Each structure stands twice: as C-alpha cells, then as structure tokens.
C-alpha cells in the first residue's frame, strides 16, 4: 500500500470521527517531528503499539479488504507496561471486509459506535484451528446469550455489541447501503503480532511503498522511524 494511500485513509478516519463527535487522544494528531521531539516520553505507547494502523491484510485492494484502526490504550501480557486491557477503534468504509479470523487469547466486545450497521459472520473453530462449518455457535449480544447456526450473519446496530470469545471465528463488514462504520473494541490485552489466526493466509501488517514523506507513523513503525 502506498504511503499516500495510508495517509489519505487516516485523514478520512479523522474526519469520520470528528463528524461523529468522537475525540482522540493528543498523540493521534502528532506529526513525525512531534513524535521525535517527545521520544523520551513515549516508551509505553511504543511498547504497547498504541496509535494508527492501516492494513489491507495482504489484499491488493484496500477498498475491498482492510480497515483503519486506532489503538487508544493497551498493555503487555507480562504487566510490565500499559494497562491490563485494551481499547481500539476500527473504521471501515462500505464495501470493505475484515477477513475471517479468531483469537486464541483475547476476549473482545465489538461495539457499533456510530455510522451504519455492522455485520458479523460467525463460526466456531475445530481443535486444529480450522473453521467449524457444521456446529452451532454460541453468541453473546450485550450479555444476552443465544445459539445460531454456523455461518450466521449477525447485525449489530448503533450502541449495541457482541462479545467475541477465544476460538470464535468472525468476519466484519458494513451493511451495504447503511454507511461507513465506527466500530469500538474493548478487550483483554491486544497482541496483533501473535494472536490473530486467519482462515486464509493473511498479513496483519503490510509493507509500505514510500511515495511521499511520512507525516503520521503507524503503530508498527515507531522503532523504525523513531529509533
């Protein structure tokens, strides 16, 4: 993905959040120069990978697969930095898909914070980690438990949520015709380097083609850009 496309996507996400009245922490707006000037203060942010994240999951077309994410708070599993939970935003345009995957460790509440309607397709997982396309699936919607057939697409309207527990395969997409989405995620500690298991081979972080100067570093680039 080109740097210009990444930075345009972040600008779009900021605009969407501003129109919705959702304020981000101050470091969401720092330039690369400001990050460098405050390098001695930001070790916790760097270690816990808070900040902007733009990905296509290895797909060639960001308009079809991908999202802009912003991690607001997070910690490390050993408790050496940050807090014992995580919170992030997932910003998606109509037509985008966040591919089918599960987590082995993380439990997360996925909340429709604004915009359109979130569709979540759910499957269980088999002992070998593959998708269970036969068994019914237990779901929790704002604490209300029910059982649905494998492959059910659940609608999450604004203000409502679904709990994603370890081993539950889930695929996200905005409902067509209902607008772009602001999805909130409140979870146990988030580790995007080791705790994403995709149905198909996918890259959680993607290479960047440098076609313009960096204005806002991504959360996986801090050590490279800041030292």
C-alpha atoms as a PDB file:
ATOM      1  CA  UNK A   1       0.000   0.000   0.000  1.00  0.00           C
ATOM      2  CA  UNK A   2       1.344   3.441  -0.859  1.00  0.00           C
ATOM      3  CA  UNK A   3       2.190   5.893   1.910  1.00  0.00           C
ATOM      4  CA  UNK A   4      -0.059   8.443   0.228  1.00  0.00           C
ATOM      5  CA  UNK A   5      -2.983   5.992   0.383  1.00  0.00           C
ATOM      6  CA  UNK A   6      -2.303   5.254   4.053  1.00  0.00           C
ATOM      7  CA  UNK A   7      -2.187   8.914   4.990  1.00  0.00           C
ATOM      8  CA  UNK A   8      -5.334   9.670   2.976  1.00  0.00           C
ATOM      9  CA  UNK A   9      -7.097   6.821   4.811  1.00  0.00           C
ATOM     10  CA  UNK A  10      -6.072   8.267   8.182  1.00  0.00           C
ATOM     11  CA  UNK A  11      -7.349  11.704   7.124  1.00  0.00           C
ATOM     12  CA  UNK A  12     -10.678  10.099   6.153  1.00  0.00           C
ATOM     13  CA  UNK A  13     -10.878   8.297   9.508  1.00  0.00           C
ATOM     14  CA  UNK A  14     -10.182  11.506  11.436  1.00  0.00           C
ATOM     15  CA  UNK A  15     -12.906  13.285   9.504  1.00  0.00           C
ATOM     16  CA  UNK A  16     -15.408  10.484  10.189  1.00  0.00           C
ATOM     17  CA  UNK A  17     -14.641  10.602  13.911  1.00  0.00           C
ATOM     18  CA  UNK A  18     -14.810  14.396  14.066  1.00  0.00           C
ATOM     19  CA  UNK A  19     -18.235  14.410  12.385  1.00  0.00           C
ATOM     20  CA  UNK A  20     -19.397  11.900  14.993  1.00  0.00           C
ATOM     21  CA  UNK A  21     -18.027  13.920  17.897  1.00  0.00           C
ATOM     22  CA  UNK A  22     -15.505  11.234  18.886  1.00  0.00           C
ATOM     23  CA  UNK A  23     -12.321  12.844  20.234  1.00  0.00           C
ATOM     24  CA  UNK A  24      -8.972  11.051  20.026  1.00  0.00           C
ATOM     25  CA  UNK A  25      -6.025  11.369  22.441  1.00  0.00           C
ATOM     26  CA  UNK A  26      -3.459  14.029  21.620  1.00  0.00           C
ATOM     27  CA  UNK A  27      -0.872  11.634  20.162  1.00  0.00           C
ATOM     28  CA  UNK A  28      -3.314  10.763  17.359  1.00  0.00           C
ATOM     29  CA  UNK A  29      -2.563  14.190  15.889  1.00  0.00           C
ATOM     30  CA  UNK A  30       1.205  14.384  16.339  1.00  0.00           C
ATOM     31  CA  UNK A  31       3.398  14.850  13.298  1.00  0.00           C
ATOM     32  CA  UNK A  32       6.517  12.708  12.877  1.00  0.00           C
ATOM     33  CA  UNK A  33       8.567  15.687  14.106  1.00  0.00           C
ATOM     34  CA  UNK A  34       6.485  15.891  17.283  1.00  0.00           C
ATOM     35  CA  UNK A  35       6.931  12.149  17.869  1.00  0.00           C
ATOM     36  CA  UNK A  36      10.699  12.560  17.533  1.00  0.00           C
ATOM     37  CA  UNK A  37      10.732  15.563  19.872  1.00  0.00           C
ATOM     38  CA  UNK A  38       8.894  13.564  22.556  1.00  0.00           C
ATOM     39  CA  UNK A  39      10.760  10.284  22.035  1.00  0.00           C
ATOM     40  CA  UNK A  40      11.857  10.059  25.676  1.00  0.00           C
ATOM     41  CA  UNK A  41       8.235  10.276  26.889  1.00  0.00           C
ATOM     42  CA  UNK A  42       6.527   7.689  24.711  1.00  0.00           C
ATOM     43  CA  UNK A  43       8.035   4.313  25.636  1.00  0.00           C
ATOM     44  CA  UNK A  44       4.699   2.949  26.881  1.00  0.00           C
ATOM     45  CA  UNK A  45       2.929   3.981  23.670  1.00  0.00           C
ATOM     46  CA  UNK A  46       5.648   2.328  21.582  1.00  0.00           C
ATOM     47  CA  UNK A  47       5.798  -0.894  23.617  1.00  0.00           C
ATOM     48  CA  UNK A  48       2.018  -1.354  23.620  1.00  0.00           C
ATOM     49  CA  UNK A  49       1.609  -0.328  19.945  1.00  0.00           C
ATOM     50  CA  UNK A  50      -0.970   2.382  20.514  1.00  0.00           C
ATOM     51  CA  UNK A  51      -1.855   4.648  17.612  1.00  0.00           C
ATOM     52  CA  UNK A  52      -2.721   4.407  13.934  1.00  0.00           C
ATOM     53  CA  UNK A  53      -2.805   1.179  11.955  1.00  0.00           C
ATOM     54  CA  UNK A  54      -3.879   0.887   8.315  1.00  0.00           C
ATOM     55  CA  UNK A  55      -3.988  -2.556   6.729  1.00  0.00           C
ATOM     56  CA  UNK A  56      -5.270  -4.484   3.734  1.00  0.00           C
ATOM     57  CA  UNK A  57      -4.398  -7.831   5.377  1.00  0.00           C
ATOM     58  CA  UNK A  58      -2.304  -8.531   2.259  1.00  0.00           C
ATOM     59  CA  UNK A  59      -5.156  -7.937  -0.206  1.00  0.00           C
ATOM     60  CA  UNK A  60      -4.338  -5.817  -3.253  1.00  0.00           C
ATOM     61  CA  UNK A  61      -7.371  -3.524  -2.957  1.00  0.00           C
ATOM     62  CA  UNK A  62      -7.964  -1.526   0.239  1.00  0.00           C
ATOM     63  CA  UNK A  63     -11.498  -0.634  -0.889  1.00  0.00           C
ATOM     64  CA  UNK A  64     -12.422  -4.333  -0.751  1.00  0.00           C
ATOM     65  CA  UNK A  65     -10.498  -5.611   2.272  1.00  0.00           C
ATOM     66  CA  UNK A  66      -8.983  -3.608   5.084  1.00  0.00           C
ATOM     67  CA  UNK A  67      -9.620  -1.007   7.747  1.00  0.00           C
ATOM     68  CA  UNK A  68      -8.163   1.977   9.555  1.00  0.00           C
ATOM     69  CA  UNK A  69      -7.603   1.208  13.233  1.00  0.00           C
ATOM     70  CA  UNK A  70      -6.546   3.304  16.195  1.00  0.00           C
ATOM     71  CA  UNK A  71      -5.455   1.697  19.466  1.00  0.00           C
ATOM     72  CA  UNK A  72      -6.300   4.060  22.313  1.00  0.00           C
ATOM     73  CA  UNK A  73      -4.946   2.008  25.206  1.00  0.00           C
ATOM     74  CA  UNK A  74      -3.243  -1.357  25.658  1.00  0.00           C
ATOM     75  CA  UNK A  75      -0.821  -3.243  27.848  1.00  0.00           C
ATOM     76  CA  UNK A  76       1.745  -6.023  27.736  1.00  0.00           C
ATOM     77  CA  UNK A  77       0.861  -9.585  28.811  1.00  0.00           C
ATOM     78  CA  UNK A  78       3.590  -9.621  31.458  1.00  0.00           C
ATOM     79  CA  UNK A  79       2.233  -6.437  33.063  1.00  0.00           C
ATOM     80  CA  UNK A  80       5.456  -4.501  32.504  1.00  0.00           C
ATOM     81  CA  UNK A  81       3.813  -1.647  30.584  1.00  0.00           C
ATOM     82  CA  UNK A  82       0.424  -0.135  29.987  1.00  0.00           C
ATOM     83  CA  UNK A  83      -2.859  -1.335  31.457  1.00  0.00           C
ATOM     84  CA  UNK A  84      -4.499  -4.785  31.814  1.00  0.00           C
ATOM     85  CA  UNK A  85      -6.973  -4.186  28.981  1.00  0.00           C
ATOM     86  CA  UNK A  86      -7.154  -2.650  25.515  1.00  0.00           C
ATOM     87  CA  UNK A  87      -9.413  -0.290  23.594  1.00  0.00           C
ATOM     88  CA  UNK A  88      -9.323   0.467  19.898  1.00  0.00           C
ATOM     89  CA  UNK A  89     -11.385   1.857  17.051  1.00  0.00           C
ATOM     90  CA  UNK A  90     -11.946   0.113  13.725  1.00  0.00           C
ATOM     91  CA  UNK A  91     -13.025   2.464  10.930  1.00  0.00           C
ATOM     92  CA  UNK A  92     -14.478   0.810   7.839  1.00  0.00           C
ATOM     93  CA  UNK A  93     -15.896   2.094   4.550  1.00  0.00           C
ATOM     94  CA  UNK A  94     -18.840   0.460   2.860  1.00  0.00           C
ATOM     95  CA  UNK A  95     -17.553  -2.399   0.703  1.00  0.00           C
ATOM     96  CA  UNK A  96     -14.637  -3.300   2.955  1.00  0.00           C
ATOM     97  CA  UNK A  97     -14.288  -6.648   4.717  1.00  0.00           C
ATOM     98  CA  UNK A  98     -12.212  -7.529   7.757  1.00  0.00           C
ATOM     99  CA  UNK A  99     -11.333 -11.163   6.971  1.00  0.00           C
ATOM    100  CA  UNK A 100     -12.418 -14.257   8.867  1.00  0.00           C
ATOM    101  CA  UNK A 101     -10.196 -14.906  11.893  1.00  0.00           C
ATOM    102  CA  UNK A 102     -10.154 -15.846  15.560  1.00  0.00           C
ATOM    103  CA  UNK A 103      -8.043 -15.110  18.626  1.00  0.00           C
ATOM    104  CA  UNK A 104      -6.578 -17.745  20.907  1.00  0.00           C
ATOM    105  CA  UNK A 105      -6.166 -15.459  23.926  1.00  0.00           C
ATOM    106  CA  UNK A 106      -8.145 -12.252  23.517  1.00  0.00           C
ATOM    107  CA  UNK A 107     -11.767 -11.719  24.513  1.00  0.00           C
ATOM    108  CA  UNK A 108     -13.271  -8.592  22.967  1.00  0.00           C
ATOM    109  CA  UNK A 109     -16.512  -6.661  22.978  1.00  0.00           C
ATOM    110  CA  UNK A 110     -17.187  -5.336  19.474  1.00  0.00           C
ATOM    111  CA  UNK A 111     -19.396  -2.248  19.728  1.00  0.00           C
ATOM    112  CA  UNK A 112     -21.124  -0.281  16.978  1.00  0.00           C
ATOM    113  CA  UNK A 113     -20.084   3.237  17.989  1.00  0.00           C
ATOM    114  CA  UNK A 114     -21.589   5.066  15.025  1.00  0.00           C
ATOM    115  CA  UNK A 115     -22.391   5.203  11.342  1.00  0.00           C
ATOM    116  CA  UNK A 116     -24.153   2.281   9.701  1.00  0.00           C
ATOM    117  CA  UNK A 117     -24.854  -1.310  10.696  1.00  0.00           C
ATOM    118  CA  UNK A 118     -22.081  -3.803  11.455  1.00  0.00           C
ATOM    119  CA  UNK A 119     -22.444  -7.319  10.058  1.00  0.00           C
ATOM    120  CA  UNK A 120     -20.521 -10.092  11.838  1.00  0.00           C
ATOM    121  CA  UNK A 121     -20.418 -13.604  10.335  1.00  0.00           C
ATOM    122  CA  UNK A 122     -19.611 -16.230  12.961  1.00  0.00           C
ATOM    123  CA  UNK A 123     -18.233 -19.765  13.031  1.00  0.00           C
ATOM    124  CA  UNK A 124     -16.741 -21.950  15.700  1.00  0.00           C
ATOM    125  CA  UNK A 125     -13.252 -23.415  15.392  1.00  0.00           C
ATOM    126  CA  UNK A 126     -12.060 -27.030  15.405  1.00  0.00           C
ATOM    127  CA  UNK A 127      -9.234 -28.348  17.619  1.00  0.00           C
ATOM    128  CA  UNK A 128      -6.751 -27.888  14.760  1.00  0.00           C
ATOM    129  CA  UNK A 129      -7.760 -24.222  14.411  1.00  0.00           C
ATOM    130  CA  UNK A 130      -9.700 -24.604  11.172  1.00  0.00           C
ATOM    131  CA  UNK A 131     -13.231 -23.287  10.654  1.00  0.00           C
ATOM    132  CA  UNK A 132     -16.074 -25.400  12.041  1.00  0.00           C
ATOM    133  CA  UNK A 133     -18.755 -25.072   9.347  1.00  0.00           C
ATOM    134  CA  UNK A 134     -21.164 -27.535  10.954  1.00  0.00           C
ATOM    135  CA  UNK A 135     -21.621 -26.838  14.651  1.00  0.00           C
ATOM    136  CA  UNK A 136     -23.964 -24.247  16.077  1.00  0.00           C
ATOM    137  CA  UNK A 137     -22.326 -21.158  17.558  1.00  0.00           C
ATOM    138  CA  UNK A 138     -22.880 -19.581  20.970  1.00  0.00           C
ATOM    139  CA  UNK A 139     -23.126 -15.799  20.758  1.00  0.00           C
ATOM    140  CA  UNK A 140     -23.384 -13.063  23.401  1.00  0.00           C
ATOM    141  CA  UNK A 141     -25.102  -9.808  22.443  1.00  0.00           C
ATOM    142  CA  UNK A 142     -24.774  -7.255  25.250  1.00  0.00           C
ATOM    143  CA  UNK A 143     -24.792 -10.124  27.737  1.00  0.00           C
ATOM    144  CA  UNK A 144     -27.750 -11.931  26.178  1.00  0.00           C
ATOM    145  CA  UNK A 145     -26.781 -15.460  25.145  1.00  0.00           C
ATOM    146  CA  UNK A 146     -28.222 -17.381  22.197  1.00  0.00           C
ATOM    147  CA  UNK A 147     -27.230 -20.134  19.772  1.00  0.00           C
ATOM    148  CA  UNK A 148     -27.160 -19.694  15.993  1.00  0.00           C
ATOM    149  CA  UNK A 149     -26.190 -21.919  13.041  1.00  0.00           C
ATOM    150  CA  UNK A 150     -22.600 -21.820  11.746  1.00  0.00           C
ATOM    151  CA  UNK A 151     -22.150 -19.014   9.239  1.00  0.00           C
ATOM    152  CA  UNK A 152     -24.925 -16.825  10.647  1.00  0.00           C
ATOM    153  CA  UNK A 153     -24.543 -13.112   9.885  1.00  0.00           C
ATOM    154  CA  UNK A 154     -25.435 -11.090  12.969  1.00  0.00           C
ATOM    155  CA  UNK A 155     -26.496  -7.435  12.677  1.00  0.00           C
ATOM    156  CA  UNK A 156     -25.071  -5.060  15.285  1.00  0.00           C
ATOM    157  CA  UNK A 157     -26.834  -1.703  15.234  1.00  0.00           C
ATOM    158  CA  UNK A 158     -25.558   1.511  16.783  1.00  0.00           C
ATOM    159  CA  UNK A 159     -24.916   1.317  20.505  1.00  0.00           C
ATOM    160  CA  UNK A 160     -25.106  -2.469  20.588  1.00  0.00           C
ATOM    161  CA  UNK A 161     -22.334  -5.036  20.840  1.00  0.00           C
ATOM    162  CA  UNK A 162     -21.216  -8.638  20.506  1.00  0.00           C
ATOM    163  CA  UNK A 163     -18.685 -10.430  22.678  1.00  0.00           C
ATOM    164  CA  UNK A 164     -16.049 -12.314  20.692  1.00  0.00           C
ATOM    165  CA  UNK A 165     -14.552 -15.041  22.861  1.00  0.00           C
ATOM    166  CA  UNK A 166     -11.376 -17.035  22.104  1.00  0.00           C
ATOM    167  CA  UNK A 167     -11.798 -19.543  19.295  1.00  0.00           C
ATOM    168  CA  UNK A 168     -14.792 -17.794  17.702  1.00  0.00           C
ATOM    169  CA  UNK A 169     -14.200 -17.062  14.012  1.00  0.00           C
ATOM    170  CA  UNK A 170     -15.580 -13.674  12.988  1.00  0.00           C
ATOM    171  CA  UNK A 171     -15.723 -11.623   9.789  1.00  0.00           C
ATOM    172  CA  UNK A 172     -16.740  -7.935   9.833  1.00  0.00           C
ATOM    173  CA  UNK A 173     -18.260  -5.766   7.116  1.00  0.00           C
ATOM    174  CA  UNK A 174     -20.533  -2.699   6.998  1.00  0.00           C
ATOM    175  CA  UNK A 175     -24.081  -3.497   5.885  1.00  0.00           C
ATOM    176  CA  UNK A 176     -24.478  -2.299   2.267  1.00  0.00           C
ATOM    177  CA  UNK A 177     -26.447   0.902   1.900  1.00  0.00           C
ATOM    178  CA  UNK A 178     -26.171   1.878   5.577  1.00  0.00           C
ATOM    179  CA  UNK A 179     -22.969   3.946   5.548  1.00  0.00           C
ATOM    180  CA  UNK A 180     -19.429   3.802   6.860  1.00  0.00           C
ATOM    181  CA  UNK A 181     -18.741   2.431  10.329  1.00  0.00           C
ATOM    182  CA  UNK A 182     -17.105   3.385  13.594  1.00  0.00           C
ATOM    183  CA  UNK A 183     -16.543   0.134  15.477  1.00  0.00           C
ATOM    184  CA  UNK A 184     -15.274   0.129  19.040  1.00  0.00           C
ATOM    185  CA  UNK A 185     -13.317  -2.728  20.559  1.00  0.00           C
ATOM    186  CA  UNK A 186     -12.850  -3.142  24.311  1.00  0.00           C
ATOM    187  CA  UNK A 187     -10.835  -6.228  25.137  1.00  0.00           C
ATOM    188  CA  UNK A 188      -8.288  -8.019  27.187  1.00  0.00           C
ATOM    189  CA  UNK A 189      -4.711  -7.124  26.216  1.00  0.00           C
ATOM    190  CA  UNK A 190      -4.312  -6.967  22.448  1.00  0.00           C
ATOM    191  CA  UNK A 191      -1.345  -8.627  20.738  1.00  0.00           C
ATOM    192  CA  UNK A 192      -1.634  -8.182  16.981  1.00  0.00           C
ATOM    193  CA  UNK A 193       1.746  -9.810  16.380  1.00  0.00           C
ATOM    194  CA  UNK A 194       0.851 -13.266  17.718  1.00  0.00           C
ATOM    195  CA  UNK A 195      -2.898 -13.585  18.418  1.00  0.00           C
ATOM    196  CA  UNK A 196      -4.592 -13.330  15.007  1.00  0.00           C
ATOM    197  CA  UNK A 197      -5.419 -16.635  13.282  1.00  0.00           C
ATOM    198  CA  UNK A 198      -6.886 -16.162   9.798  1.00  0.00           C
ATOM    199  CA  UNK A 199      -8.931 -18.679   7.842  1.00  0.00           C
ATOM    200  CA  UNK A 200      -6.727 -17.941   4.804  1.00  0.00           C
ATOM    201  CA  UNK A 201      -3.080 -16.849   4.930  1.00  0.00           C
ATOM    202  CA  UNK A 202      -3.086 -13.120   5.706  1.00  0.00           C
ATOM    203  CA  UNK A 203      -0.610 -10.434   6.737  1.00  0.00           C
ATOM    204  CA  UNK A 204      -1.693  -8.426   9.778  1.00  0.00           C
ATOM    205  CA  UNK A 205       0.816  -5.661   8.964  1.00  0.00           C
ATOM    206  CA  UNK A 206       1.675  -4.789   5.383  1.00  0.00           C
ATOM    207  CA  UNK A 207       4.681  -3.367   3.507  1.00  0.00           C
ATOM    208  CA  UNK A 208       4.545   0.322   2.601  1.00  0.00           C
ATOM    209  CA  UNK A 209       5.544   1.852  -0.720  1.00  0.00           C
ATOM    210  CA  UNK A 210       7.138   5.206   0.110  1.00  0.00           C
ATOM    211  CA  UNK A 211       5.743   7.644  -2.450  1.00  0.00           C
ATOM    212  CA  UNK A 212       5.567  10.675  -0.118  1.00  0.00           C
ATOM    213  CA  UNK A 213       7.091  11.741   3.232  1.00  0.00           C
ATOM    214  CA  UNK A 214       5.756  10.201   6.427  1.00  0.00           C
ATOM    215  CA  UNK A 215       3.524  12.614   8.331  1.00  0.00           C
ATOM    216  CA  UNK A 216       1.984  10.194  10.860  1.00  0.00           C
ATOM    217  CA  UNK A 217       3.839   6.990  11.817  1.00  0.00           C
ATOM    218  CA  UNK A 218       1.905   3.737  12.111  1.00  0.00           C
ATOM    219  CA  UNK A 219       1.945   1.841  15.398  1.00  0.00           C
ATOM    220  CA  UNK A 220       4.215  -0.884  13.988  1.00  0.00           C
ATOM    221  CA  UNK A 221       6.723   1.673  12.645  1.00  0.00           C
ATOM    222  CA  UNK A 222       7.724   3.548  15.799  1.00  0.00           C
ATOM    223  CA  UNK A 223      11.020   1.791  16.408  1.00  0.00           C
ATOM    224  CA  UNK A 224      11.970   2.052  12.741  1.00  0.00           C
ATOM    225  CA  UNK A 225      11.135   5.774  12.479  1.00  0.00           C
ATOM    226  CA  UNK A 226      11.933   6.994  15.983  1.00  0.00           C
ATOM    227  CA  UNK A 227      14.815   4.757  16.997  1.00  0.00           C
END
